[in-house]
Amino acid sequence: TGVCNFGMLNYYLGKRAADEGRDSRYPHIDFCKDPGAVCSREDHPELKWIAGMFYWIRSLQTYDEGWSYIDNLKSFVQGGMKDD
């Protein structure tokens, strides 16, 4: 998902959050130094799902370059959730 996404994951949920005194779900995992932890940590198998959802929320839902996910989702729901 890219270097920036691992940095944000670390900032909000990883070691950096803990180091800076914020609550951290994974205070002993430094996603910047070990991005492979998302896939390799057997003690936290949920990391793949959490990293994927984090990417979706931070990158895909916020996409708005000529096509807005949120605007189209609202239109879809307001239109009775019917596809074209």
C-alpha atoms as a PDB file:
ATOM      1  CA  THR A   1       0.000   0.000   0.000  1.00  0.00           C
ATOM      2  CA  GLY A   2       3.005   2.252  -0.038  1.00  0.00           C
ATOM      3  CA  VAL A   3       5.485   3.903   2.285  1.00  0.00           C
ATOM      4  CA  CYS A   4       3.145   6.734   3.277  1.00  0.00           C
ATOM      5  CA  ASN A   5       0.381   4.353   4.302  1.00  0.00           C
ATOM      6  CA  PHE A   6       2.743   2.397   6.570  1.00  0.00           C
ATOM      7  CA  GLY A   7       3.921   5.662   8.102  1.00  0.00           C
ATOM      8  CA  MET A   8       0.347   6.716   8.862  1.00  0.00           C
ATOM      9  CA  LEU A   9      -0.457   3.248  10.190  1.00  0.00           C
ATOM     10  CA  ASN A  10       2.552   3.564  12.497  1.00  0.00           C
ATOM     11  CA  TYR A  11       1.524   7.086  13.536  1.00  0.00           C
ATOM     12  CA  TYR A  12      -2.028   6.090  14.474  1.00  0.00           C
ATOM     13  CA  LEU A  13      -1.748   2.436  15.534  1.00  0.00           C
ATOM     14  CA  GLY A  14       1.906   1.458  15.874  1.00  0.00           C
ATOM     15  CA  LYS A  15       5.069   2.196  17.769  1.00  0.00           C
ATOM     16  CA  ARG A  16       5.179   5.899  16.920  1.00  0.00           C
ATOM     17  CA  ALA A  17       1.793   6.454  18.552  1.00  0.00           C
ATOM     18  CA  ALA A  18       3.040   4.727  21.710  1.00  0.00           C
ATOM     19  CA  ASP A  19       6.371   6.577  21.642  1.00  0.00           C
ATOM     20  CA  GLU A  20       4.514   9.901  21.445  1.00  0.00           C
ATOM     21  CA  GLY A  21       2.185   9.021  24.330  1.00  0.00           C
ATOM     22  CA  ARG A  22      -0.948   8.220  22.336  1.00  0.00           C
ATOM     23  CA  ASP A  23      -2.996   5.060  22.734  1.00  0.00           C
ATOM     24  CA  SER A  24      -1.702   2.413  20.368  1.00  0.00           C
ATOM     25  CA  ARG A  25      -3.218  -0.908  19.360  1.00  0.00           C
ATOM     26  CA  TYR A  26       0.241  -2.199  18.368  1.00  0.00           C
ATOM     27  CA  PRO A  27       2.768  -0.316  20.550  1.00  0.00           C
ATOM     28  CA  HIS A  28       5.629  -2.745  19.864  1.00  0.00           C
ATOM     29  CA  ILE A  29       5.288  -2.871  16.077  1.00  0.00           C
ATOM     30  CA  ASP A  30       7.162  -0.278  14.037  1.00  0.00           C
ATOM     31  CA  PHE A  31       5.442  -0.448  10.653  1.00  0.00           C
ATOM     32  CA  CYS A  32       8.054   1.882   9.130  1.00  0.00           C
ATOM     33  CA  LYS A  33      10.992  -0.356  10.047  1.00  0.00           C
ATOM     34  CA  ASP A  34       9.087  -3.590   9.414  1.00  0.00           C
ATOM     35  CA  PRO A  35       6.208  -3.131   6.956  1.00  0.00           C
ATOM     36  CA  GLY A  36       6.238  -6.894   6.443  1.00  0.00           C
ATOM     37  CA  ALA A  37       4.795  -7.208   9.958  1.00  0.00           C
ATOM     38  CA  VAL A  38       1.376  -6.699   8.410  1.00  0.00           C
ATOM     39  CA  CYS A  39       1.641 -10.086   6.726  1.00  0.00           C
ATOM     40  CA  SER A  40       4.129 -11.964   8.882  1.00  0.00           C
ATOM     41  CA  ARG A  41       2.976 -11.416  12.468  1.00  0.00           C
ATOM     42  CA  GLU A  42       1.328 -14.631  13.630  1.00  0.00           C
ATOM     43  CA  ASP A  43       0.442 -13.019  16.961  1.00  0.00           C
ATOM     44  CA  HIS A  44      -1.709 -10.438  15.120  1.00  0.00           C
ATOM     45  CA  PRO A  45      -3.382 -12.155  12.135  1.00  0.00           C
ATOM     46  CA  GLU A  46      -5.927  -9.312  11.980  1.00  0.00           C
ATOM     47  CA  LEU A  47      -3.234  -6.892  10.775  1.00  0.00           C
ATOM     48  CA  LYS A  48      -3.859  -7.717   7.114  1.00  0.00           C
ATOM     49  CA  TRP A  49      -7.503  -6.744   7.491  1.00  0.00           C
ATOM     50  CA  ILE A  50      -6.761  -3.639   9.562  1.00  0.00           C
ATOM     51  CA  ALA A  51      -4.073  -2.428   7.141  1.00  0.00           C
ATOM     52  CA  GLY A  52      -6.435  -2.980   4.200  1.00  0.00           C
ATOM     53  CA  MET A  53      -9.275  -1.093   5.876  1.00  0.00           C
ATOM     54  CA  PHE A  54      -6.893   1.703   6.868  1.00  0.00           C
ATOM     55  CA  TYR A  55      -5.780   2.036   3.245  1.00  0.00           C
ATOM     56  CA  TRP A  56      -9.407   2.024   2.052  1.00  0.00           C
ATOM     57  CA  ILE A  57     -10.440   4.735   4.501  1.00  0.00           C
ATOM     58  CA  ARG A  58      -7.388   6.982   4.018  1.00  0.00           C
ATOM     59  CA  SER A  59      -6.861   6.599   0.269  1.00  0.00           C
ATOM     60  CA  LEU A  60      -9.885   5.293  -1.586  1.00  0.00           C
ATOM     61  CA  GLN A  61     -12.836   6.827   0.237  1.00  0.00           C
ATOM     62  CA  THR A  62     -11.174  10.236   0.087  1.00  0.00           C
ATOM     63  CA  TYR A  63     -10.464  10.043  -3.670  1.00  0.00           C
ATOM     64  CA  ASP A  64     -11.905  13.100  -5.390  1.00  0.00           C
ATOM     65  CA  GLU A  65     -10.208  13.852  -8.688  1.00  0.00           C
ATOM     66  CA  GLY A  66     -13.025  14.228 -11.169  1.00  0.00           C
ATOM     67  CA  TRP A  67     -14.895  11.355  -9.531  1.00  0.00           C
ATOM     68  CA  SER A  68     -15.815  11.370  -5.861  1.00  0.00           C
ATOM     69  CA  TYR A  69     -16.419   8.075  -4.077  1.00  0.00           C
ATOM     70  CA  ILE A  70     -18.450   9.747  -1.308  1.00  0.00           C
ATOM     71  CA  ASP A  71     -20.607  11.797  -3.705  1.00  0.00           C
ATOM     72  CA  ASN A  72     -21.283   8.746  -5.863  1.00  0.00           C
ATOM     73  CA  LEU A  73     -22.067   6.622  -2.824  1.00  0.00           C
ATOM     74  CA  LYS A  74     -24.578   9.219  -1.609  1.00  0.00           C
ATOM     75  CA  SER A  75     -26.179   9.374  -5.062  1.00  0.00           C
ATOM     76  CA  PHE A  76     -26.371   5.587  -5.206  1.00  0.00           C
ATOM     77  CA  VAL A  77     -28.094   5.393  -1.803  1.00  0.00           C
ATOM     78  CA  GLN A  78     -30.425   8.313  -2.524  1.00  0.00           C
ATOM     79  CA  GLY A  79     -31.310   6.660  -5.844  1.00  0.00           C
ATOM     80  CA  GLY A  80     -32.578   3.547  -4.103  1.00  0.00           C
ATOM     81  CA  MET A  81     -29.292   1.616  -4.395  1.00  0.00           C
ATOM     82  CA  LYS A  82     -29.927   0.662  -8.001  1.00  0.00           C
ATOM     83  CA  ASP A  83     -27.039   0.202 -10.392  1.00  0.00           C
ATOM     84  CA  ASP A  84     -27.073   1.624 -13.928  1.00  0.00           C
END
